[in-house]
Amino acid sequence: MSSRYAEIHKNPKGPGDARPTALQILKDQNLGSRLQGKTILITGCSSGIGVETAKALHTTGAILYLTARNLNKAKEALADIVSSPRVNLLELDLNSLASVRACAKEFLSQSPQLNIFIANAGVMATPEGRTEDGFETQFGTNHLAHFLLFNLLKSALLASSTPEFNSRAILLSSISHRISEPDFDNLTLEGKYHSWVAYGASKTANLWTANEIERRYGTKGLHAWAVQPGGVLTNLAQHLPGEEAAEMMKEPILLAMFKNPDQGASTSVWAAVASELEGQGGKFLDDCQISGPAREGATTFEHGTSTWAFDEVKEGKLWKKSLELVGLKDNL
């Protein structure tokens, strides 16, 4: 399936170029009242593309539940939309599974309905560390916390699906999933930690989770997509050593590919609302289009999925292991 945005992404010219913003996506979709009264949950809404995703989707008339670890920071970042009766803030610290459970409980106490779930929050290339529950920081934050949150809210997503608008789960992955996949024998990377290897493994986990959600629940009206937002000028890179960040900023291809946060939110918003994606899922989205496999020998910044991006056996194995790690049973 070809996207109307394929051509415009072929020759990027840096932040603020002609590539679409999240608001442009909504305008192009001509949604009308399609999302009026629908409920959307977005994690990571105190900075970056989470804020821009929320601001854009607020214009649709949808009811928003926005999570953040620091609610005061979120209020400041979200500005005017915080005063809207359709915007609800929820505290969520992805470093803690207890916080995930509390957030899910609070959401369900306020809303029986959930139409779109966007796992937007994340950390990148962090120093070696452990979450509150003892998991490697990036695997625990980017994957396991969102995995638990999805499973706790899954019943609401399934119950809210209609033939006219199937529920959607959107998990932010990255082109960096091509770096590595989860090491099932050493998920904490004990003794061999590398910040980018850990990040790549967590982003592959997001991709595999989206694929497994589609496999399990697609026929029940709940579809899932993995999204590569692109290189976006946010504070996600805060953990990079200064020297490494400086070297990256000298890379002409990367500089041209960078997006502003409102452009970075475009693929998430496209995944959430695009009529051309209705009734399907289980693919990797990049630059507002379905991405194919990366060419052999592709450089770090080229588009495309890894050779392990779609692997039913490993996806099932990760799902089963993740259920065990977060203390859930497989009830489909």
C-alpha atoms as a PDB file:
ATOM      1  CA  MET A   1       0.000   0.000   0.000  1.00  0.00           C
ATOM      2  CA  SER A   2       1.489   3.305  -1.058  1.00  0.00           C
ATOM      3  CA  SER A   3       1.112   6.321   1.209  1.00  0.00           C
ATOM      4  CA  ARG A   4       0.319   9.803  -0.044  1.00  0.00           C
ATOM      5  CA  TYR A   5       3.317  10.923   2.035  1.00  0.00           C
ATOM      6  CA  ALA A   6       5.934   8.674   0.404  1.00  0.00           C
ATOM      7  CA  GLU A   7       7.184  11.241  -2.112  1.00  0.00           C
ATOM      8  CA  ILE A   8       7.526  14.135   0.324  1.00  0.00           C
ATOM      9  CA  HIS A   9       9.795  12.047   2.580  1.00  0.00           C
ATOM     10  CA  LYS A  10      12.256  11.070  -0.168  1.00  0.00           C
ATOM     11  CA  ASN A  11      14.423  14.175   0.100  1.00  0.00           C
ATOM     12  CA  PRO A  12      14.255  15.547   3.648  1.00  0.00           C
ATOM     13  CA  LYS A  13      15.727  18.974   4.264  1.00  0.00           C
ATOM     14  CA  GLY A  14      15.740  19.105   8.034  1.00  0.00           C
ATOM     15  CA  PRO A  15      13.354  20.300  10.763  1.00  0.00           C
ATOM     16  CA  GLY A  16      10.463  22.412   9.548  1.00  0.00           C
ATOM     17  CA  ASP A  17      10.696  21.267   5.918  1.00  0.00           C
ATOM     18  CA  ALA A  18       7.727  20.132   3.809  1.00  0.00           C
ATOM     19  CA  ARG A  19       7.227  16.841   5.655  1.00  0.00           C
ATOM     20  CA  PRO A  20       3.830  16.785   7.387  1.00  0.00           C
ATOM     21  CA  THR A  21       3.100  17.768  10.953  1.00  0.00           C
ATOM     22  CA  ALA A  22       0.600  15.928  13.144  1.00  0.00           C
ATOM     23  CA  LEU A  23      -1.974  18.657  12.469  1.00  0.00           C
ATOM     24  CA  GLN A  24      -1.445  18.295   8.716  1.00  0.00           C
ATOM     25  CA  ILE A  25      -2.183  14.575   9.000  1.00  0.00           C
ATOM     26  CA  LEU A  26      -5.471  15.336  10.747  1.00  0.00           C
ATOM     27  CA  LYS A  27      -6.396  17.920   8.133  1.00  0.00           C
ATOM     28  CA  ASP A  28      -5.639  15.481   5.304  1.00  0.00           C
ATOM     29  CA  GLN A  29      -7.738  12.754   6.948  1.00  0.00           C
ATOM     30  CA  ASN A  30     -10.783  15.040   7.026  1.00  0.00           C
ATOM     31  CA  LEU A  31     -12.038  13.227  10.122  1.00  0.00           C
ATOM     32  CA  GLY A  32     -15.122  15.308  10.769  1.00  0.00           C
ATOM     33  CA  SER A  33     -16.697  13.996  13.974  1.00  0.00           C
ATOM     34  CA  ARG A  34     -15.198  10.505  13.642  1.00  0.00           C
ATOM     35  CA  LEU A  35     -13.165  10.827  16.859  1.00  0.00           C
ATOM     36  CA  GLN A  36     -15.702  12.891  18.786  1.00  0.00           C
ATOM     37  CA  GLY A  37     -16.328  11.088  22.063  1.00  0.00           C
ATOM     38  CA  LYS A  38     -13.610   8.489  21.413  1.00  0.00           C
ATOM     39  CA  THR A  39     -11.095   7.942  24.222  1.00  0.00           C
ATOM     40  CA  ILE A  40      -7.325   8.043  23.701  1.00  0.00           C
ATOM     41  CA  LEU A  41      -4.554   7.292  26.200  1.00  0.00           C
ATOM     42  CA  ILE A  42      -1.039   8.569  25.489  1.00  0.00           C
ATOM     43  CA  THR A  43       2.009   7.950  27.686  1.00  0.00           C
ATOM     44  CA  GLY A  44       4.870  10.418  28.043  1.00  0.00           C
ATOM     45  CA  CYS A  45       3.075  13.745  27.745  1.00  0.00           C
ATOM     46  CA  SER A  46       5.412  16.096  29.594  1.00  0.00           C
ATOM     47  CA  SER A  47       7.765  16.792  26.676  1.00  0.00           C
ATOM     48  CA  GLY A  48       8.643  16.003  23.078  1.00  0.00           C
ATOM     49  CA  ILE A  49       6.369  14.259  20.634  1.00  0.00           C
ATOM     50  CA  GLY A  50       3.976  13.073  23.345  1.00  0.00           C
ATOM     51  CA  VAL A  51       2.966  16.696  23.899  1.00  0.00           C
ATOM     52  CA  GLU A  52       2.557  17.332  20.166  1.00  0.00           C
ATOM     53  CA  THR A  53       0.578  14.104  19.711  1.00  0.00           C
ATOM     54  CA  ALA A  54      -1.764  15.159  22.513  1.00  0.00           C
ATOM     55  CA  LYS A  55      -2.192  18.716  21.239  1.00  0.00           C
ATOM     56  CA  ALA A  56      -3.017  17.496  17.732  1.00  0.00           C
ATOM     57  CA  LEU A  57      -5.468  14.788  18.820  1.00  0.00           C
ATOM     58  CA  HIS A  58      -7.196  17.218  21.177  1.00  0.00           C
ATOM     59  CA  THR A  59      -8.420  19.118  18.104  1.00  0.00           C
ATOM     60  CA  THR A  60     -10.454  16.069  17.013  1.00  0.00           C
ATOM     61  CA  GLY A  61     -12.935  16.235  19.893  1.00  0.00           C
ATOM     62  CA  ALA A  62     -11.577  13.057  21.459  1.00  0.00           C
ATOM     63  CA  ILE A  63     -11.328  12.525  25.224  1.00  0.00           C
ATOM     64  CA  LEU A  64      -7.658  12.348  26.222  1.00  0.00           C
ATOM     65  CA  TYR A  65      -5.962  10.606  29.130  1.00  0.00           C
ATOM     66  CA  LEU A  66      -2.356  11.786  29.229  1.00  0.00           C
ATOM     67  CA  THR A  67       0.279  10.244  31.461  1.00  0.00           C
ATOM     68  CA  ALA A  68       3.457  11.713  32.871  1.00  0.00           C
ATOM     69  CA  ARG A  69       5.827  11.016  35.727  1.00  0.00           C
ATOM     70  CA  ASN A  70       5.853  14.717  36.644  1.00  0.00           C
ATOM     71  CA  LEU A  71       2.342  16.154  36.349  1.00  0.00           C
ATOM     72  CA  ASN A  72       3.456  19.749  36.942  1.00  0.00           C
ATOM     73  CA  LYS A  73       5.896  19.487  34.057  1.00  0.00           C
ATOM     74  CA  ALA A  74       3.120  18.007  31.908  1.00  0.00           C
ATOM     75  CA  LYS A  75       0.732  20.838  32.771  1.00  0.00           C
ATOM     76  CA  GLU A  76       3.332  23.383  31.743  1.00  0.00           C
ATOM     77  CA  ALA A  77       4.191  21.575  28.499  1.00  0.00           C
ATOM     78  CA  LEU A  78       0.574  20.925  27.486  1.00  0.00           C
ATOM     79  CA  ALA A  79      -0.333  24.570  28.124  1.00  0.00           C
ATOM     80  CA  ASP A  80      -3.879  25.564  27.117  1.00  0.00           C
ATOM     81  CA  ILE A  81      -5.311  22.094  26.530  1.00  0.00           C
ATOM     82  CA  VAL A  82      -4.908  21.189  30.225  1.00  0.00           C
ATOM     83  CA  SER A  83      -7.942  23.318  31.059  1.00  0.00           C
ATOM     84  CA  SER A  84     -10.124  21.376  28.613  1.00  0.00           C
ATOM     85  CA  PRO A  85     -12.767  19.134  30.232  1.00  0.00           C
ATOM     86  CA  ARG A  86     -11.729  16.482  27.684  1.00  0.00           C
ATOM     87  CA  VAL A  87      -8.143  16.309  28.989  1.00  0.00           C
ATOM     88  CA  ASN A  88      -7.309  14.150  32.008  1.00  0.00           C
ATOM     89  CA  LEU A  89      -3.838  13.765  33.493  1.00  0.00           C
ATOM     90  CA  LEU A  90      -2.663  10.512  35.058  1.00  0.00           C
ATOM     91  CA  GLU A  91       0.523   9.980  37.021  1.00  0.00           C
ATOM     92  CA  LEU A  92       2.681   7.199  35.593  1.00  0.00           C
ATOM     93  CA  ASP A  93       6.286   6.297  36.341  1.00  0.00           C
ATOM     94  CA  LEU A  94       7.368   3.615  33.879  1.00  0.00           C
ATOM     95  CA  ASN A  95      10.290   2.790  36.142  1.00  0.00           C
ATOM     96  CA  SER A  96       7.818   1.108  38.505  1.00  0.00           C
ATOM     97  CA  LEU A  97       5.313  -1.660  37.787  1.00  0.00           C
ATOM     98  CA  ALA A  98       3.400  -0.610  40.917  1.00  0.00           C
ATOM     99  CA  SER A  99       2.959   2.830  39.325  1.00  0.00           C
ATOM    100  CA  VAL A 100       1.769   1.179  36.093  1.00  0.00           C
ATOM    101  CA  ARG A 101      -0.851  -0.809  38.013  1.00  0.00           C
ATOM    102  CA  ALA A 102      -1.989   2.274  39.916  1.00  0.00           C
ATOM    103  CA  CYS A 103      -2.284   4.263  36.671  1.00  0.00           C
ATOM    104  CA  ALA A 104      -4.329   1.531  34.979  1.00  0.00           C
ATOM    105  CA  LYS A 105      -6.606   1.261  38.012  1.00  0.00           C
ATOM    106  CA  GLU A 106      -7.150   5.028  38.049  1.00  0.00           C
ATOM    107  CA  PHE A 107      -7.895   5.108  34.320  1.00  0.00           C
ATOM    108  CA  LEU A 108     -10.433   2.270  34.548  1.00  0.00           C
ATOM    109  CA  SER A 109     -12.119   3.949  37.512  1.00  0.00           C
ATOM    110  CA  GLN A 110     -12.704   7.000  35.306  1.00  0.00           C
ATOM    111  CA  SER A 111     -13.399   5.458  31.900  1.00  0.00           C
ATOM    112  CA  PRO A 112     -14.791   2.102  30.731  1.00  0.00           C
ATOM    113  CA  GLN A 113     -13.960   3.156  27.181  1.00  0.00           C
ATOM    114  CA  LEU A 114     -10.595   3.168  25.381  1.00  0.00           C
ATOM    115  CA  ASN A 115     -10.326   3.376  21.607  1.00  0.00           C
ATOM    116  CA  ILE A 116      -6.687   4.278  21.000  1.00  0.00           C
ATOM    117  CA  PHE A 117      -3.655   3.384  23.139  1.00  0.00           C
ATOM    118  CA  ILE A 118      -0.378   5.160  22.301  1.00  0.00           C
ATOM    119  CA  ALA A 119       2.747   3.884  24.092  1.00  0.00           C
ATOM    120  CA  ASN A 120       4.813   6.977  23.384  1.00  0.00           C
ATOM    121  CA  ALA A 121       7.086   7.393  26.427  1.00  0.00           C
ATOM    122  CA  GLY A 122      10.599   6.036  26.520  1.00  0.00           C
ATOM    123  CA  VAL A 123      14.267   6.466  27.343  1.00  0.00           C
ATOM    124  CA  MET A 124      17.264   6.071  25.035  1.00  0.00           C
ATOM    125  CA  ALA A 125      20.879   4.985  25.426  1.00  0.00           C
ATOM    126  CA  THR A 126      20.879   5.290  29.216  1.00  0.00           C
ATOM    127  CA  PRO A 127      23.820   4.337  31.424  1.00  0.00           C
ATOM    128  CA  GLU A 128      23.534   0.823  32.832  1.00  0.00           C
ATOM    129  CA  GLY A 129      20.876   0.688  35.506  1.00  0.00           C
ATOM    130  CA  ARG A 130      17.864  -1.140  36.871  1.00  0.00           C
ATOM    131  CA  THR A 131      14.226  -0.199  37.274  1.00  0.00           C
ATOM    132  CA  GLU A 132      12.507  -0.332  40.650  1.00  0.00           C
ATOM    133  CA  ASP A 133      11.638  -3.968  39.881  1.00  0.00           C
ATOM    134  CA  GLY A 134      15.179  -4.960  38.908  1.00  0.00           C
ATOM    135  CA  PHE A 135      14.861  -4.941  35.108  1.00  0.00           C
ATOM    136  CA  GLU A 136      17.429  -3.389  32.780  1.00  0.00           C
ATOM    137  CA  THR A 137      16.381   0.275  32.562  1.00  0.00           C
ATOM    138  CA  GLN A 138      15.528   0.476  28.862  1.00  0.00           C
ATOM    139  CA  PHE A 139      13.908  -2.949  28.562  1.00  0.00           C
ATOM    140  CA  GLY A 140      11.915  -2.324  31.735  1.00  0.00           C
ATOM    141  CA  THR A 141      10.827   1.222  30.862  1.00  0.00           C
ATOM    142  CA  ASN A 142      10.315   1.019  27.117  1.00  0.00           C
ATOM    143  CA  HIS A 143       8.921  -2.497  26.923  1.00  0.00           C
ATOM    144  CA  LEU A 144       7.775  -4.164  30.139  1.00  0.00           C
ATOM    145  CA  ALA A 145       5.975  -1.185  31.674  1.00  0.00           C
ATOM    146  CA  HIS A 146       4.044  -0.529  28.459  1.00  0.00           C
ATOM    147  CA  PHE A 147       3.406  -4.265  28.033  1.00  0.00           C
ATOM    148  CA  LEU A 148       1.821  -4.391  31.490  1.00  0.00           C
ATOM    149  CA  LEU A 149      -0.180  -1.205  30.918  1.00  0.00           C
ATOM    150  CA  PHE A 150      -1.538  -2.522  27.612  1.00  0.00           C
ATOM    151  CA  ASN A 151      -2.576  -5.825  29.172  1.00  0.00           C
ATOM    152  CA  LEU A 152      -4.319  -4.101  32.074  1.00  0.00           C
ATOM    153  CA  LEU A 153      -6.263  -1.894  29.633  1.00  0.00           C
ATOM    154  CA  LYS A 154      -6.789  -4.519  26.937  1.00  0.00           C
ATOM    155  CA  SER A 155     -10.335  -5.381  28.022  1.00  0.00           C
ATOM    156  CA  ALA A 156     -11.378  -1.728  27.592  1.00  0.00           C
ATOM    157  CA  LEU A 157      -9.796  -1.601  24.123  1.00  0.00           C
ATOM    158  CA  LEU A 158     -11.590  -4.782  23.054  1.00  0.00           C
ATOM    159  CA  ALA A 159     -14.937  -3.679  24.514  1.00  0.00           C
ATOM    160  CA  SER A 160     -14.715  -0.259  22.804  1.00  0.00           C
ATOM    161  CA  SER A 161     -14.032  -1.590  19.313  1.00  0.00           C
ATOM    162  CA  THR A 162     -16.818  -1.135  16.750  1.00  0.00           C
ATOM    163  CA  PRO A 163     -17.108  -2.222  13.105  1.00  0.00           C
ATOM    164  CA  GLU A 164     -16.908   1.464  12.137  1.00  0.00           C
ATOM    165  CA  PHE A 165     -13.793   2.155  14.229  1.00  0.00           C
ATOM    166  CA  ASN A 166     -11.653  -0.753  15.379  1.00  0.00           C
ATOM    167  CA  SER A 167      -9.545  -0.045  18.469  1.00  0.00           C
ATOM    168  CA  ARG A 168      -5.862   0.656  17.892  1.00  0.00           C
ATOM    169  CA  ALA A 169      -2.676   0.128  19.921  1.00  0.00           C
ATOM    170  CA  ILE A 170       0.336   2.133  18.766  1.00  0.00           C
ATOM    171  CA  LEU A 171       3.755   1.305  20.184  1.00  0.00           C
ATOM    172  CA  LEU A 172       6.657   3.612  19.451  1.00  0.00           C
ATOM    173  CA  SER A 173       9.636   1.629  18.263  1.00  0.00           C
ATOM    174  CA  SER A 174      12.674   2.963  16.397  1.00  0.00           C
ATOM    175  CA  ILE A 175      14.872   2.389  13.386  1.00  0.00           C
ATOM    176  CA  SER A 176      17.402   1.436  16.084  1.00  0.00           C
ATOM    177  CA  HIS A 177      15.594  -1.876  16.507  1.00  0.00           C
ATOM    178  CA  ARG A 178      18.008  -2.948  13.759  1.00  0.00           C
ATOM    179  CA  ILE A 179      20.874  -2.784  16.256  1.00  0.00           C
ATOM    180  CA  SER A 180      19.809  -5.760  18.353  1.00  0.00           C
ATOM    181  CA  GLU A 181      17.069  -8.052  19.581  1.00  0.00           C
ATOM    182  CA  PRO A 182      16.315  -9.190  23.144  1.00  0.00           C
ATOM    183  CA  ASP A 183      18.765 -11.739  24.530  1.00  0.00           C
ATOM    184  CA  PHE A 184      16.429 -14.235  26.171  1.00  0.00           C
ATOM    185  CA  ASP A 185      19.331 -15.780  28.087  1.00  0.00           C
ATOM    186  CA  ASN A 186      20.443 -12.423  29.521  1.00  0.00           C
ATOM    187  CA  LEU A 187      17.674  -9.807  29.367  1.00  0.00           C
ATOM    188  CA  THR A 188      19.538  -7.545  31.807  1.00  0.00           C
ATOM    189  CA  LEU A 189      22.691  -7.730  29.646  1.00  0.00           C
ATOM    190  CA  GLU A 190      24.613  -8.540  32.806  1.00  0.00           C
ATOM    191  CA  GLY A 191      28.345  -8.307  32.155  1.00  0.00           C
ATOM    192  CA  LYS A 192      27.959  -7.086  28.582  1.00  0.00           C
ATOM    193  CA  TYR A 193      25.911  -3.922  28.801  1.00  0.00           C
ATOM    194  CA  HIS A 194      26.049  -1.455  25.931  1.00  0.00           C
ATOM    195  CA  SER A 195      23.613   1.464  25.928  1.00  0.00           C
ATOM    196  CA  TRP A 196      22.714   1.198  22.224  1.00  0.00           C
ATOM    197  CA  VAL A 197      22.426  -2.602  22.280  1.00  0.00           C
ATOM    198  CA  ALA A 198      20.007  -2.289  25.209  1.00  0.00           C
ATOM    199  CA  TYR A 199      18.037   0.417  23.395  1.00  0.00           C
ATOM    200  CA  GLY A 200      17.844  -1.642  20.200  1.00  0.00           C
ATOM    201  CA  ALA A 201      16.619  -4.678  22.134  1.00  0.00           C
ATOM    202  CA  SER A 202      13.899  -2.630  23.852  1.00  0.00           C
ATOM    203  CA  LYS A 203      12.730  -1.198  20.521  1.00  0.00           C
ATOM    204  CA  THR A 204      12.643  -4.668  18.936  1.00  0.00           C
ATOM    205  CA  ALA A 205      10.553  -5.709  21.947  1.00  0.00           C
ATOM    206  CA  ASN A 206       8.092  -2.889  21.186  1.00  0.00           C
ATOM    207  CA  LEU A 207       7.886  -4.030  17.564  1.00  0.00           C
ATOM    208  CA  TRP A 208       7.437  -7.694  18.465  1.00  0.00           C
ATOM    209  CA  THR A 209       4.757  -6.764  20.993  1.00  0.00           C
ATOM    210  CA  ALA A 210       2.767  -4.835  18.372  1.00  0.00           C
ATOM    211  CA  ASN A 211       3.003  -7.817  16.025  1.00  0.00           C
ATOM    212  CA  GLU A 212       1.827 -10.222  18.735  1.00  0.00           C
ATOM    213  CA  ILE A 213      -1.068  -7.943  19.705  1.00  0.00           C
ATOM    214  CA  GLU A 214      -2.182  -7.992  16.078  1.00  0.00           C
ATOM    215  CA  ARG A 215      -1.876 -11.773  15.918  1.00  0.00           C
ATOM    216  CA  ARG A 216      -3.862 -12.297  19.121  1.00  0.00           C
ATOM    217  CA  TYR A 217      -6.513  -9.610  18.874  1.00  0.00           C
ATOM    218  CA  GLY A 218      -6.726  -8.419  15.268  1.00  0.00           C
ATOM    219  CA  THR A 219      -9.693 -10.674  14.537  1.00  0.00           C
ATOM    220  CA  LYS A 220     -11.379  -9.293  17.674  1.00  0.00           C
ATOM    221  CA  GLY A 221     -11.257  -5.715  16.431  1.00  0.00           C
ATOM    222  CA  LEU A 222      -8.045  -4.549  18.123  1.00  0.00           C
ATOM    223  CA  HIS A 223      -5.161  -3.727  15.799  1.00  0.00           C
ATOM    224  CA  ALA A 224      -1.590  -2.757  16.600  1.00  0.00           C
ATOM    225  CA  TRP A 225       1.160  -0.835  14.849  1.00  0.00           C
ATOM    226  CA  ALA A 226       4.819  -0.228  15.649  1.00  0.00           C
ATOM    227  CA  VAL A 227       5.900   3.321  14.820  1.00  0.00           C
ATOM    228  CA  GLN A 228       9.289   4.822  14.017  1.00  0.00           C
ATOM    229  CA  PRO A 229       8.836   8.550  14.705  1.00  0.00           C
ATOM    230  CA  GLY A 230      12.160   9.498  13.114  1.00  0.00           C
ATOM    231  CA  GLY A 231      15.067  11.530  14.421  1.00  0.00           C
ATOM    232  CA  VAL A 232      13.263  14.204  16.403  1.00  0.00           C
ATOM    233  CA  LEU A 233      14.753  17.218  18.159  1.00  0.00           C
ATOM    234  CA  THR A 234      13.653  16.408  21.724  1.00  0.00           C
ATOM    235  CA  ASN A 235      15.388  15.649  25.019  1.00  0.00           C
ATOM    236  CA  LEU A 236      15.331  11.894  24.293  1.00  0.00           C
ATOM    237  CA  ALA A 237      19.069  12.107  23.560  1.00  0.00           C
ATOM    238  CA  GLN A 238      19.848  13.573  26.995  1.00  0.00           C
ATOM    239  CA  HIS A 239      21.851  10.521  28.076  1.00  0.00           C
ATOM    240  CA  LEU A 240      24.246  10.601  25.122  1.00  0.00           C
ATOM    241  CA  PRO A 241      27.811  11.610  26.025  1.00  0.00           C
ATOM    242  CA  GLY A 242      28.559  15.120  24.702  1.00  0.00           C
ATOM    243  CA  GLU A 243      31.229  13.835  22.338  1.00  0.00           C
ATOM    244  CA  GLU A 244      28.914  11.243  20.784  1.00  0.00           C
ATOM    245  CA  ALA A 245      26.104  13.772  20.376  1.00  0.00           C
ATOM    246  CA  ALA A 246      28.511  16.262  18.766  1.00  0.00           C
ATOM    247  CA  GLU A 247      29.693  13.635  16.277  1.00  0.00           C
ATOM    248  CA  MET A 248      26.115  12.752  15.353  1.00  0.00           C
ATOM    249  CA  MET A 249      25.331  16.406  14.725  1.00  0.00           C
ATOM    250  CA  LYS A 250      28.073  16.470  12.081  1.00  0.00           C
ATOM    251  CA  GLU A 251      26.350  13.741  10.049  1.00  0.00           C
ATOM    252  CA  PRO A 252      24.718  15.462   7.022  1.00  0.00           C
ATOM    253  CA  ILE A 253      22.261  12.616   6.318  1.00  0.00           C
ATOM    254  CA  LEU A 254      21.061  12.670   9.916  1.00  0.00           C
ATOM    255  CA  LEU A 255      20.765  16.458  10.011  1.00  0.00           C
ATOM    256  CA  ALA A 256      18.541  16.361   6.929  1.00  0.00           C
ATOM    257  CA  MET A 257      16.390  13.607   8.451  1.00  0.00           C
ATOM    258  CA  PHE A 258      15.789  15.406  11.765  1.00  0.00           C
ATOM    259  CA  LYS A 259      12.240  16.569  12.434  1.00  0.00           C
ATOM    260  CA  ASN A 260      10.625  19.105  14.709  1.00  0.00           C
ATOM    261  CA  PRO A 261       8.473  17.542  17.465  1.00  0.00           C
ATOM    262  CA  ASP A 262       5.250  18.370  15.588  1.00  0.00           C
ATOM    263  CA  GLN A 263       6.629  16.548  12.534  1.00  0.00           C
ATOM    264  CA  GLY A 264       7.882  13.740  14.781  1.00  0.00           C
ATOM    265  CA  ALA A 265       4.340  13.193  16.043  1.00  0.00           C
ATOM    266  CA  SER A 266       2.952  12.784  12.522  1.00  0.00           C
ATOM    267  CA  THR A 267       3.440   9.010  12.150  1.00  0.00           C
ATOM    268  CA  SER A 268       1.918   8.308  15.589  1.00  0.00           C
ATOM    269  CA  VAL A 269      -1.112  10.407  14.663  1.00  0.00           C
ATOM    270  CA  TRP A 270      -1.335   8.772  11.218  1.00  0.00           C
ATOM    271  CA  ALA A 271      -1.285   5.348  12.917  1.00  0.00           C
ATOM    272  CA  ALA A 272      -4.045   6.480  15.267  1.00  0.00           C
ATOM    273  CA  VAL A 273      -6.464   7.933  12.728  1.00  0.00           C
ATOM    274  CA  ALA A 274      -5.656   6.969   9.131  1.00  0.00           C
ATOM    275  CA  SER A 275      -8.698   5.524   7.396  1.00  0.00           C
ATOM    276  CA  GLU A 276      -6.404   3.588   5.044  1.00  0.00           C
ATOM    277  CA  LEU A 277      -5.141   1.584   8.046  1.00  0.00           C
ATOM    278  CA  GLU A 278      -8.609   0.656   9.312  1.00  0.00           C
ATOM    279  CA  GLY A 279      -9.050  -3.032  10.046  1.00  0.00           C
ATOM    280  CA  GLN A 280      -5.401  -4.008   9.762  1.00  0.00           C
ATOM    281  CA  GLY A 281      -2.144  -3.905  11.733  1.00  0.00           C
ATOM    282  CA  GLY A 282       1.036  -5.811  12.487  1.00  0.00           C
ATOM    283  CA  LYS A 283       3.319  -3.654  10.375  1.00  0.00           C
ATOM    284  CA  PHE A 284       6.132  -1.169  11.027  1.00  0.00           C
ATOM    285  CA  LEU A 285       5.244   2.438  10.197  1.00  0.00           C
ATOM    286  CA  ASP A 286       7.863   5.014   9.283  1.00  0.00           C
ATOM    287  CA  ASP A 287       7.396   8.488   7.754  1.00  0.00           C
ATOM    288  CA  CYS A 288       3.605   8.058   7.584  1.00  0.00           C
ATOM    289  CA  GLN A 289       3.812   4.907   5.496  1.00  0.00           C
ATOM    290  CA  ILE A 290       4.253   1.155   5.940  1.00  0.00           C
ATOM    291  CA  SER A 291       7.961   0.382   5.923  1.00  0.00           C
ATOM    292  CA  GLY A 292       9.552  -2.517   4.086  1.00  0.00           C
ATOM    293  CA  PRO A 293      12.753  -4.385   4.925  1.00  0.00           C
ATOM    294  CA  ALA A 294      16.022  -2.441   4.986  1.00  0.00           C
ATOM    295  CA  ARG A 295      18.315  -3.109   2.068  1.00  0.00           C
ATOM    296  CA  GLU A 296      21.267  -5.395   2.684  1.00  0.00           C
ATOM    297  CA  GLY A 297      24.165  -3.363   4.045  1.00  0.00           C
ATOM    298  CA  ALA A 298      21.934  -0.413   4.962  1.00  0.00           C
ATOM    299  CA  THR A 299      23.635   2.341   6.939  1.00  0.00           C
ATOM    300  CA  THR A 300      22.508   3.290  10.449  1.00  0.00           C
ATOM    301  CA  PHE A 301      20.174   6.054   9.335  1.00  0.00           C
ATOM    302  CA  GLU A 302      18.541   4.360   6.361  1.00  0.00           C
ATOM    303  CA  HIS A 303      14.928   3.303   6.605  1.00  0.00           C
ATOM    304  CA  GLY A 304      13.587  -0.236   6.776  1.00  0.00           C
ATOM    305  CA  THR A 305      13.104  -3.130   9.162  1.00  0.00           C
ATOM    306  CA  SER A 306      15.585  -5.714  10.411  1.00  0.00           C
ATOM    307  CA  THR A 307      15.695  -9.355   9.371  1.00  0.00           C
ATOM    308  CA  TRP A 308      14.253 -10.253  12.802  1.00  0.00           C
ATOM    309  CA  ALA A 309      11.450  -7.668  12.808  1.00  0.00           C
ATOM    310  CA  PHE A 310       8.736 -10.227  12.038  1.00  0.00           C
ATOM    311  CA  ASP A 311       9.305 -13.543  13.788  1.00  0.00           C
ATOM    312  CA  GLU A 312       6.222 -15.333  15.110  1.00  0.00           C
ATOM    313  CA  VAL A 313       8.208 -17.704  17.313  1.00  0.00           C
ATOM    314  CA  LYS A 314      10.285 -15.002  19.020  1.00  0.00           C
ATOM    315  CA  GLU A 315       7.272 -12.702  19.343  1.00  0.00           C
ATOM    316  CA  GLY A 316       5.354 -15.444  21.122  1.00  0.00           C
ATOM    317  CA  LYS A 317       8.346 -16.253  23.316  1.00  0.00           C
ATOM    318  CA  LEU A 318       8.761 -12.587  24.316  1.00  0.00           C
ATOM    319  CA  TRP A 319       5.042 -12.306  25.120  1.00  0.00           C
ATOM    320  CA  LYS A 320       5.151 -15.371  27.341  1.00  0.00           C
ATOM    321  CA  LYS A 321       8.338 -14.220  29.095  1.00  0.00           C
ATOM    322  CA  SER A 322       6.972 -10.691  29.576  1.00  0.00           C
ATOM    323  CA  LEU A 323       3.777 -12.038  31.171  1.00  0.00           C
ATOM    324  CA  GLU A 324       5.932 -13.975  33.603  1.00  0.00           C
ATOM    325  CA  LEU A 325       8.124 -10.949  34.405  1.00  0.00           C
ATOM    326  CA  VAL A 326       5.202  -8.609  35.112  1.00  0.00           C
ATOM    327  CA  GLY A 327       3.219 -11.260  37.005  1.00  0.00           C
ATOM    328  CA  LEU A 328       0.299 -11.848  34.636  1.00  0.00           C
ATOM    329  CA  LYS A 329      -1.337 -15.006  33.360  1.00  0.00           C
ATOM    330  CA  ASP A 330      -2.030 -15.584  29.670  1.00  0.00           C
ATOM    331  CA  ASN A 331      -5.788 -15.226  29.441  1.00  0.00           C
ATOM    332  CA  LEU A 332      -5.898 -14.081  25.796  1.00  0.00           C
END
